[in-house]
C-alpha atoms as a PDB file:
ATOM      1  CA  MET A   1     -22.219 -32.487 -71.481  1.00  0.00           C
ATOM      2  CA  LYS A   2     -19.033 -31.199 -71.175  1.00  0.00           C
ATOM      3  CA  ARG A   3     -20.750 -28.411 -68.962  1.00  0.00           C
ATOM      4  CA  ALA A   4     -22.384 -30.717 -67.091  1.00  0.00           C
ATOM      5  CA  TRP A   5     -19.087 -32.925 -66.389  1.00  0.00           C
ATOM      6  CA  LEU A   6     -17.198 -29.438 -65.241  1.00  0.00           C
ATOM      7  CA  VAL A   7     -20.119 -28.453 -62.939  1.00  0.00           C
ATOM      8  CA  THR A   8     -20.361 -32.013 -61.253  1.00  0.00           C
ATOM      9  CA  ARG A   9     -16.816 -31.527 -60.821  1.00  0.00           C
ATOM     10  CA  SER A  10     -16.373 -28.378 -59.707  1.00  0.00           C
ATOM     11  CA  LEU A  11     -18.827 -29.154 -56.988  1.00  0.00           C
ATOM     12  CA  LEU A  12     -17.203 -32.497 -55.850  1.00  0.00           C
ATOM     13  CA  LEU A  13     -13.553 -30.233 -55.771  1.00  0.00           C
ATOM     14  CA  TRP A  14     -15.282 -27.769 -53.405  1.00  0.00           C
ATOM     15  CA  ILE A  15     -16.637 -30.263 -51.112  1.00  0.00           C
ATOM     16  CA  ALA A  16     -13.417 -32.441 -51.146  1.00  0.00           C
ATOM     17  CA  SER A  17     -11.269 -29.174 -50.648  1.00  0.00           C
ATOM     18  CA  GLY A  18     -13.627 -27.463 -47.999  1.00  0.00           C
ATOM     19  CA  LEU A  19     -13.999 -30.457 -45.875  1.00  0.00           C
ATOM     20  CA  HIS A  20     -10.296 -31.094 -45.813  1.00  0.00           C
ATOM     21  CA  PHE A  21      -9.557 -27.415 -44.960  1.00  0.00           C
ATOM     22  CA  PHE A  22     -12.385 -27.016 -42.386  1.00  0.00           C
ATOM     23  CA  THR A  23     -11.484 -30.082 -40.444  1.00  0.00           C
ATOM     24  CA  LEU A  24      -7.636 -29.659 -40.444  1.00  0.00           C
ATOM     25  CA  CYS A  25      -7.844 -26.430 -39.674  1.00  0.00           C
ATOM     26  CA  SER A  26      -9.803 -26.792 -36.957  1.00  0.00           C
ATOM     27  CA  LEU A  27      -7.290 -28.833 -35.474  1.00  0.00           C
ATOM     28  CA  LEU A  28      -4.633 -26.200 -36.111  1.00  0.00           C
ATOM     29  CA  VAL A  29      -7.209 -23.593 -34.456  1.00  0.00           C
ATOM     30  CA  ALA A  30      -7.095 -25.859 -31.502  1.00  0.00           C
ATOM     31  CA  LEU A  31      -3.452 -26.351 -31.639  1.00  0.00           C
ATOM     32  CA  GLY A  32      -2.796 -22.677 -31.792  1.00  0.00           C
ATOM     33  CA  MET A  33      -4.783 -21.870 -28.533  1.00  0.00           C
ATOM     34  CA  VAL A  34      -1.646 -23.526 -26.624  1.00  0.00           C
ATOM     35  CA  VAL A  35       1.274 -23.400 -29.335  1.00  0.00           C
ATOM     36  CA  ASP A  36       2.894 -20.596 -31.022  1.00  0.00           C
ATOM     37  CA  PRO A  37       2.568 -20.770 -34.466  1.00  0.00           C
ATOM     38  CA  ARG A  38       6.071 -20.378 -35.341  1.00  0.00           C
ATOM     39  CA  ARG A  39       6.332 -24.026 -33.692  1.00  0.00           C
ATOM     40  CA  ASN A  40       3.493 -25.775 -36.091  1.00  0.00           C
ATOM     41  CA  ASP A  41       4.292 -23.943 -38.860  1.00  0.00           C
ATOM     42  CA  TRP A  42       4.922 -27.201 -40.852  1.00  0.00           C
ATOM     43  CA  PRO A  43       1.520 -28.736 -40.346  1.00  0.00           C
ATOM     44  CA  GLN A  44       0.131 -25.511 -41.647  1.00  0.00           C
ATOM     45  CA  ARG A  45       2.010 -25.692 -45.046  1.00  0.00           C
ATOM     46  CA  VAL A  46       1.143 -29.262 -45.408  1.00  0.00           C
ATOM     47  CA  LEU A  47      -2.460 -27.997 -44.673  1.00  0.00           C
ATOM     48  CA  PHE A  48      -2.341 -25.345 -47.267  1.00  0.00           C
ATOM     49  CA  ARG A  49      -0.547 -27.377 -50.302  1.00  0.00           C
ATOM     50  CA  ASN A  50      -2.973 -30.376 -49.741  1.00  0.00           C
ATOM     51  CA  VAL A  51      -5.899 -28.222 -49.905  1.00  0.00           C
ATOM     52  CA  LEU A  52      -4.190 -27.371 -53.701  1.00  0.00           C
ATOM     53  CA  ARG A  53      -3.879 -30.804 -54.123  1.00  0.00           C
ATOM     54  CA  VAL A  54      -7.647 -31.866 -53.436  1.00  0.00           C
ATOM     55  CA  ALA A  55      -8.650 -29.174 -55.546  1.00  0.00           C
ATOM     56  CA  GLY A  56      -6.985 -30.276 -58.378  1.00  0.00           C
ATOM     57  CA  VAL A  57      -3.995 -28.120 -58.899  1.00  0.00           C
ATOM     58  CA  LYS A  58      -1.062 -29.205 -59.973  1.00  0.00           C
ATOM     59  CA  PHE A  59       1.619 -26.889 -58.750  1.00  0.00           C
ATOM     60  CA  GLU A  60       5.184 -25.706 -59.111  1.00  0.00           C
ATOM     61  CA  VAL A  61       7.305 -23.207 -57.774  1.00  0.00           C
ATOM     62  CA  ARG A  62      10.203 -21.636 -59.633  1.00  0.00           C
ATOM     63  CA  CYS A  63      13.129 -19.979 -57.724  1.00  0.00           C
ATOM     64  CA  ALA A  64      15.195 -17.492 -59.980  1.00  0.00           C
ATOM     65  CA  PRO A  65      18.750 -17.716 -59.219  1.00  0.00           C
ATOM     66  CA  GLY A  66      19.844 -15.219 -56.786  1.00  0.00           C
ATOM     67  CA  PHE A  67      16.323 -15.810 -54.405  1.00  0.00           C
ATOM     68  CA  ASP A  68      17.641 -16.080 -51.267  1.00  0.00           C
ATOM     69  CA  PRO A  69      15.036 -18.327 -48.984  1.00  0.00           C
ATOM     70  CA  ASN A  70      16.236 -17.272 -45.844  1.00  0.00           C
ATOM     71  CA  ARG A  71      15.861 -13.722 -46.258  1.00  0.00           C
ATOM     72  CA  THR A  72      13.132 -11.577 -44.104  1.00  0.00           C
ATOM     73  CA  CYS A  73      11.781  -9.564 -47.022  1.00  0.00           C
ATOM     74  CA  LEU A  74       8.345  -8.376 -48.388  1.00  0.00           C
ATOM     75  CA  PHE A  75       6.717 -10.634 -50.667  1.00  0.00           C
ATOM     76  CA  ILE A  76       5.201  -8.920 -53.657  1.00  0.00           C
ATOM     77  CA  ALA A  77       2.621 -10.779 -55.729  1.00  0.00           C
ATOM     78  CA  ASN A  78      -0.571 -10.524 -58.210  1.00  0.00           C
ATOM     79  CA  HIS A  79      -3.849 -10.939 -56.470  1.00  0.00           C
ATOM     80  CA  VAL A  80      -5.897 -13.924 -58.387  1.00  0.00           C
ATOM     81  CA  ASN A  81      -8.314 -15.752 -56.572  1.00  0.00           C
ATOM     82  CA  LEU A  82      -9.594 -16.903 -53.024  1.00  0.00           C
ATOM     83  CA  PHE A  83      -6.969 -19.935 -53.390  1.00  0.00           C
ATOM     84  CA  ASP A  84      -3.982 -17.282 -53.287  1.00  0.00           C
ATOM     85  CA  ALA A  85      -3.268 -17.641 -49.578  1.00  0.00           C
ATOM     86  CA  PHE A  86      -2.544 -21.506 -49.937  1.00  0.00           C
ATOM     87  CA  VAL A  87      -0.650 -20.737 -52.969  1.00  0.00           C
ATOM     88  CA  VAL A  88       1.805 -18.196 -51.341  1.00  0.00           C
ATOM     89  CA  TYR A  89       2.235 -20.659 -48.035  1.00  0.00           C
ATOM     90  CA  SER A  90       2.753 -23.302 -50.811  1.00  0.00           C
ATOM     91  CA  ALA A  91       5.742 -21.675 -52.228  1.00  0.00           C
ATOM     92  CA  ILE A  92       7.173 -19.531 -49.765  1.00  0.00           C
ATOM     93  CA  PRO A  93      10.129 -21.488 -48.160  1.00  0.00           C
ATOM     94  CA  GLN A  94      10.169 -19.677 -44.861  1.00  0.00           C
ATOM     95  CA  PHE A  95       7.973 -18.396 -41.996  1.00  0.00           C
ATOM     96  CA  LEU A  96       5.798 -16.389 -43.193  1.00  0.00           C
ATOM     97  CA  ARG A  97       2.636 -14.050 -42.625  1.00  0.00           C
ATOM     98  CA  GLY A  98       0.523 -11.747 -44.679  1.00  0.00           C
ATOM     99  CA  LEU A  99      -1.275  -8.315 -45.025  1.00  0.00           C
ATOM    100  CA  GLU A 100      -5.080  -8.862 -45.362  1.00  0.00           C
ATOM    101  CA  LEU A 101      -8.452  -6.762 -45.422  1.00  0.00           C
ATOM    102  CA  GLU A 102      -9.521  -6.084 -41.974  1.00  0.00           C
ATOM    103  CA  SER A 103     -13.190  -7.231 -43.450  1.00  0.00           C
ATOM    104  CA  HIS A 104     -11.343 -10.768 -43.442  1.00  0.00           C
ATOM    105  CA  PHE A 105     -10.899 -10.808 -39.416  1.00  0.00           C
ATOM    106  CA  ARG A 106     -14.388 -10.556 -38.883  1.00  0.00           C
ATOM    107  CA  ILE A 107     -15.273 -13.545 -40.352  1.00  0.00           C
ATOM    108  CA  PRO A 108     -16.235 -16.462 -37.989  1.00  0.00           C
ATOM    109  CA  ALA A 109     -13.273 -18.643 -36.996  1.00  0.00           C
ATOM    110  CA  TYR A 110     -11.131 -18.048 -40.141  1.00  0.00           C
ATOM    111  CA  GLY A 111     -10.718 -14.237 -38.731  1.00  0.00           C
ATOM    112  CA  TRP A 112      -9.823 -15.728 -35.399  1.00  0.00           C
ATOM    113  CA  MET A 113      -7.313 -17.958 -36.932  1.00  0.00           C
ATOM    114  CA  MET A 114      -5.895 -15.056 -38.974  1.00  0.00           C
ATOM    115  CA  ARG A 115      -5.456 -12.924 -35.928  1.00  0.00           C
ATOM    116  CA  ARG A 116      -3.734 -15.704 -33.660  1.00  0.00           C
ATOM    117  CA  PHE A 117      -1.194 -16.787 -36.861  1.00  0.00           C
ATOM    118  CA  GLY A 118      -0.150 -13.136 -36.765  1.00  0.00           C
ATOM    119  CA  ASN A 119      -1.325 -11.902 -39.863  1.00  0.00           C
ATOM    120  CA  ILE A 120      -1.977  -8.105 -40.001  1.00  0.00           C
ATOM    121  CA  PRO A 121      -5.289  -6.380 -41.036  1.00  0.00           C
ATOM    122  CA  VAL A 122      -5.495  -3.566 -43.685  1.00  0.00           C
ATOM    123  CA  HIS A 123      -8.152  -0.822 -43.858  1.00  0.00           C
ATOM    124  CA  LYS A 124      -9.740   0.270 -47.200  1.00  0.00           C
ATOM    125  CA  SER A 125      -9.665   3.766 -46.076  1.00  0.00           C
ATOM    126  CA  PRO A 126      -7.931   3.901 -42.669  1.00  0.00           C
ATOM    127  CA  THR A 127      -7.714   6.916 -40.610  1.00  0.00           C
ATOM    128  CA  ALA A 128      -4.125   8.021 -39.735  1.00  0.00           C
ATOM    129  CA  ALA A 129      -4.132   6.365 -36.426  1.00  0.00           C
ATOM    130  CA  GLN A 130      -4.789   3.081 -38.285  1.00  0.00           C
ATOM    131  CA  THR A 131      -2.170   3.369 -40.599  1.00  0.00           C
ATOM    132  CA  LYS A 132       0.530   4.177 -37.752  1.00  0.00           C
ATOM    133  CA  GLU A 133      -0.479   0.726 -36.626  1.00  0.00           C
ATOM    134  CA  LEU A 134      -0.135  -0.672 -39.726  1.00  0.00           C
ATOM    135  CA  TYR A 135       3.404   0.732 -40.542  1.00  0.00           C
ATOM    136  CA  ARG A 136       4.104  -0.408 -36.659  1.00  0.00           C
ATOM    137  CA  ARG A 137       3.173  -3.893 -36.696  1.00  0.00           C
ATOM    138  CA  THR A 138       4.960  -4.333 -40.103  1.00  0.00           C
ATOM    139  CA  ARG A 139       7.595  -3.026 -38.738  1.00  0.00           C
ATOM    140  CA  ALA A 140       7.649  -5.331 -35.449  1.00  0.00           C
ATOM    141  CA  ALA A 141       7.143  -8.251 -37.803  1.00  0.00           C
ATOM    142  CA  LEU A 142       9.989  -7.573 -39.998  1.00  0.00           C
ATOM    143  CA  ASP A 143      12.143  -7.004 -37.042  1.00  0.00           C
ATOM    144  CA  ASP A 144      11.067 -10.233 -35.462  1.00  0.00           C
ATOM    145  CA  GLY A 145      12.294 -12.222 -38.750  1.00  0.00           C
ATOM    146  CA  VAL A 146       8.805 -12.722 -40.236  1.00  0.00           C
ATOM    147  CA  SER A 147       8.660 -12.117 -43.945  1.00  0.00           C
ATOM    148  CA  LEU A 148       5.362 -10.637 -45.430  1.00  0.00           C
ATOM    149  CA  VAL A 149       3.317 -10.924 -48.434  1.00  0.00           C
ATOM    150  CA  VAL A 150       1.458  -8.466 -49.615  1.00  0.00           C
ATOM    151  CA  PHE A 151      -1.179  -8.114 -53.115  1.00  0.00           C
ATOM    152  CA  PRO A 152      -0.466  -4.511 -53.798  1.00  0.00           C
ATOM    153  CA  GLU A 153      -3.069  -4.159 -56.336  1.00  0.00           C
ATOM    154  CA  GLY A 154      -5.728  -4.107 -53.547  1.00  0.00           C
ATOM    155  CA  GLY A 155      -7.987  -6.682 -55.360  1.00  0.00           C
ATOM    156  CA  ARG A 156      -8.473 -10.010 -57.663  1.00  0.00           C
ATOM    157  CA  THR A 157      -7.966  -9.826 -61.087  1.00  0.00           C
ATOM    158  CA  LEU A 158     -10.897  -9.600 -63.536  1.00  0.00           C
ATOM    159  CA  ASP A 159      -9.074 -10.315 -66.614  1.00  0.00           C
ATOM    160  CA  GLY A 160      -6.010 -12.536 -65.395  1.00  0.00           C
ATOM    161  CA  HIS A 161      -3.600  -9.772 -66.068  1.00  0.00           C
ATOM    162  CA  VAL A 162      -1.687  -7.701 -63.742  1.00  0.00           C
ATOM    163  CA  HIS A 163      -3.131  -4.322 -62.679  1.00  0.00           C
ATOM    164  CA  GLU A 164      -2.107  -1.064 -61.262  1.00  0.00           C
ATOM    165  CA  PHE A 165       0.286  -1.788 -57.988  1.00  0.00           C
ATOM    166  CA  LYS A 166      -0.702   0.703 -54.833  1.00  0.00           C
ATOM    167  CA  ASP A 167       2.294   2.554 -52.932  1.00  0.00           C
ATOM    168  CA  GLY A 168       1.736   1.324 -49.535  1.00  0.00           C
ATOM    169  CA  ALA A 169       3.867  -1.883 -49.439  1.00  0.00           C
ATOM    170  CA  PHE A 170       6.815  -0.199 -51.370  1.00  0.00           C
ATOM    171  CA  ARG A 171       6.682   2.725 -48.933  1.00  0.00           C
ATOM    172  CA  MET A 172       7.008   0.714 -46.107  1.00  0.00           C
ATOM    173  CA  ALA A 173       9.674  -1.418 -47.302  1.00  0.00           C
ATOM    174  CA  ILE A 174      11.950   1.696 -48.153  1.00  0.00           C
ATOM    175  CA  GLN A 175      11.267   3.151 -44.778  1.00  0.00           C
ATOM    176  CA  PHE A 176      12.369   0.419 -43.146  1.00  0.00           C
ATOM    177  CA  GLY A 177      14.991  -0.979 -45.443  1.00  0.00           C
ATOM    178  CA  TYR A 178      14.135  -4.675 -46.186  1.00  0.00           C
ATOM    179  CA  PRO A 179      14.183  -6.088 -49.609  1.00  0.00           C
ATOM    180  CA  VAL A 180      11.024  -6.700 -51.689  1.00  0.00           C
ATOM    181  CA  VAL A 181      10.451  -9.781 -53.766  1.00  0.00           C
ATOM    182  CA  PRO A 182       8.478 -10.030 -56.768  1.00  0.00           C
ATOM    183  CA  MET A 183       6.562 -12.929 -56.892  1.00  0.00           C
ATOM    184  CA  ALA A 184       3.972 -14.072 -60.084  1.00  0.00           C
ATOM    185  CA  ILE A 185       1.532 -16.621 -59.876  1.00  0.00           C
ATOM    186  CA  THR A 186       0.628 -17.463 -63.385  1.00  0.00           C
ATOM    187  CA  GLY A 187      -1.856 -20.172 -64.639  1.00  0.00           C
ATOM    188  CA  SER A 188      -4.362 -19.461 -61.229  1.00  0.00           C
ATOM    189  CA  PHE A 189      -6.865 -17.570 -63.370  1.00  0.00           C
ATOM    190  CA  GLU A 190      -7.137 -20.688 -65.738  1.00  0.00           C
ATOM    191  CA  PHE A 191      -7.794 -22.678 -62.846  1.00  0.00           C
ATOM    192  CA  ASN A 192     -10.466 -20.475 -60.875  1.00  0.00           C
ATOM    193  CA  ARG A 193     -11.327 -16.997 -61.237  1.00  0.00           C
ATOM    194  CA  LYS A 194     -13.449 -14.099 -59.453  1.00  0.00           C
ATOM    195  CA  GLY A 195     -17.068 -14.339 -59.886  1.00  0.00           C
ATOM    196  CA  SER A 196     -17.240 -18.106 -60.845  1.00  0.00           C
ATOM    197  CA  TRP A 197     -17.229 -20.742 -58.736  1.00  0.00           C
ATOM    198  CA  MET A 198     -16.059 -23.487 -61.467  1.00  0.00           C
ATOM    199  CA  LEU A 199     -12.558 -25.314 -60.906  1.00  0.00           C
ATOM    200  CA  HIS A 200     -10.720 -26.319 -64.335  1.00  0.00           C
ATOM    201  CA  ALA A 201      -8.040 -28.850 -64.073  1.00  0.00           C
ATOM    202  CA  GLY A 202      -4.548 -26.942 -64.681  1.00  0.00           C
ATOM    203  CA  LYS A 203      -1.334 -26.150 -63.414  1.00  0.00           C
ATOM    204  CA  ILE A 204       0.033 -22.950 -61.048  1.00  0.00           C
ATOM    205  CA  VAL A 205       3.496 -22.175 -61.686  1.00  0.00           C
ATOM    206  CA  VAL A 206       4.787 -19.697 -58.973  1.00  0.00           C
ATOM    207  CA  TYR A 207       8.038 -17.487 -59.964  1.00  0.00           C
ATOM    208  CA  LEU A 208      10.188 -16.093 -57.092  1.00  0.00           C
ATOM    209  CA  GLU A 209      12.421 -13.783 -58.265  1.00  0.00           C
ATOM    210  CA  PRO A 210      15.838 -11.999 -56.638  1.00  0.00           C
ATOM    211  CA  GLY A 211      15.217  -9.766 -53.753  1.00  0.00           C
ATOM    212  CA  ILE A 212      15.404  -5.960 -54.855  1.00  0.00           C
ATOM    213  CA  GLU A 213      17.392  -4.092 -52.332  1.00  0.00           C
ATOM    214  CA  THR A 214      15.505  -0.950 -50.440  1.00  0.00           C
ATOM    215  CA  LYS A 215      18.559   0.365 -47.855  1.00  0.00           C
ATOM    216  CA  ALA A 216      19.872   2.578 -50.371  1.00  0.00           C
ATOM    217  CA  LEU A 217      16.513   4.185 -51.803  1.00  0.00           C
ATOM    218  CA  THR A 218      14.716   7.133 -50.416  1.00  0.00           C
ATOM    219  CA  LYS A 219      10.695   7.968 -50.475  1.00  0.00           C
ATOM    220  CA  GLN A 220      11.266   9.604 -53.712  1.00  0.00           C
ATOM    221  CA  ASP A 221      11.628   6.147 -55.338  1.00  0.00           C
ATOM    222  CA  VAL A 222       8.903   4.821 -54.163  1.00  0.00           C
ATOM    223  CA  ALA A 223       7.296   4.460 -58.004  1.00  0.00           C
ATOM    224  CA  GLU A 224      10.280   3.728 -59.746  1.00  0.00           C
ATOM    225  CA  LEU A 225      10.537   0.585 -57.186  1.00  0.00           C
ATOM    226  CA  ARG A 226       7.320  -0.039 -57.754  1.00  0.00           C
ATOM    227  CA  ASP A 227       6.952   0.410 -60.979  1.00  0.00           C
ATOM    228  CA  ARG A 228       9.940  -1.646 -61.454  1.00  0.00           C
ATOM    229  CA  VAL A 229       8.193  -4.756 -59.537  1.00  0.00           C
ATOM    230  CA  HIS A 230       5.236  -4.491 -61.457  1.00  0.00           C
ATOM    231  CA  ASP A 231       7.115  -4.868 -64.683  1.00  0.00           C
ATOM    232  CA  ILE A 232       8.821  -8.421 -63.746  1.00  0.00           C
ATOM    233  CA  VAL A 233       5.515 -10.098 -61.850  1.00  0.00           C
ATOM    234  CA  SER A 234       3.407  -8.662 -65.534  1.00  0.00           C
ATOM    235  CA  ALA A 235       5.798  -9.909 -67.631  1.00  0.00           C
ATOM    236  CA  ARG A 236       5.649 -13.630 -66.152  1.00  0.00           C
ATOM    237  CA  VAL A 237       2.049 -13.567 -66.192  1.00  0.00           C
ATOM    238  CA  ASP A 238       1.399 -12.103 -69.390  1.00  0.00           C
ATOM    239  CA  ALA A 239       4.241 -14.589 -70.938  1.00  0.00           C
ATOM    240  CA  ALA A 240       2.283 -17.425 -69.525  1.00  0.00           C
ATOM    241  CA  ILE A 241      -1.020 -16.201 -70.623  1.00  0.00           C
ATOM    242  CA  ALA A 242       0.434 -15.817 -74.424  1.00  0.00           C
ATOM    243  CA  GLU A 243       1.920 -19.297 -73.969  1.00  0.00           C
ATOM    244  CA  ARG A 244      -1.480 -20.950 -73.307  1.00  0.00           C
ATOM    245  CA  ARG A 245      -2.910 -18.982 -76.164  1.00  0.00           C
ATOM    246  CA  ARG A 246      -0.372 -20.308 -78.154  1.00  0.00           C
ATOM    247  CA  ARG A 247      -1.011 -23.869 -77.118  1.00  0.00           C
ATOM    248  CA  GLU A 248      -4.717 -23.717 -77.412  1.00  0.00           C
ATOM    249  CA  SER A 249      -4.189 -21.962 -81.062  1.00  0.00           C
ATOM    250  CA  ASP A 250      -2.154 -24.956 -81.974  1.00  0.00           C
ATOM    251  CA  ALA A 251      -4.641 -27.794 -80.628  1.00  0.00           C
ATOM    252  CA  THR A 252      -7.276 -26.131 -82.842  1.00  0.00           C
ATOM    253  CA  ALA A 253      -5.451 -25.854 -85.990  1.00  0.00           C
END
């Protein structure tokens, strides 16, 4: 009976959130044809936050002392599920765009919208020319005051934990001299995970940590910066997993 209720609930939530997303996104796409996306950032944020609400998510953002909401930077986040885009746009209080797999830009309607909104394509096995173009577009966005979000794991977690980060985002941050902000998404894996369409009731909490300056760093510091950010993000995620297990153990004791 419990399984049947979960299946029915998940199906209804997918339908409701999907209808909400595609209806309002169609309006945003139409608006984006004539209005600079920066000038309609507010309705985009409302849409993304409402998708989470309709999907049954309780949501909270916790900003650490020292986090500067107005500083242009690279946000470094763990990658959990298909709702990550809605989570980061709901959590980060400034104009934001993302580095996204190039294959996503070939998805009908969605790909056009992401390209129009200014997301930057990343190739899985880039040529030298594609890497150069990625660096050029990333630098141009940052210099134009657009913060960027990166998922340096390169794929969604299969066990809820944060896995190894790739170097690319940290190389760019050091080369361009912009700070990186560790961003930990917790509770999202329990809500939905890769390979499953089930949506479980729960709460997503996002932690925005103080930015880490990179202007004094060199390319020899890439690994140290990468590992430092990874440790900050994974510590938040692991603590949330441990707390959930503790509560479950107490409930069954």
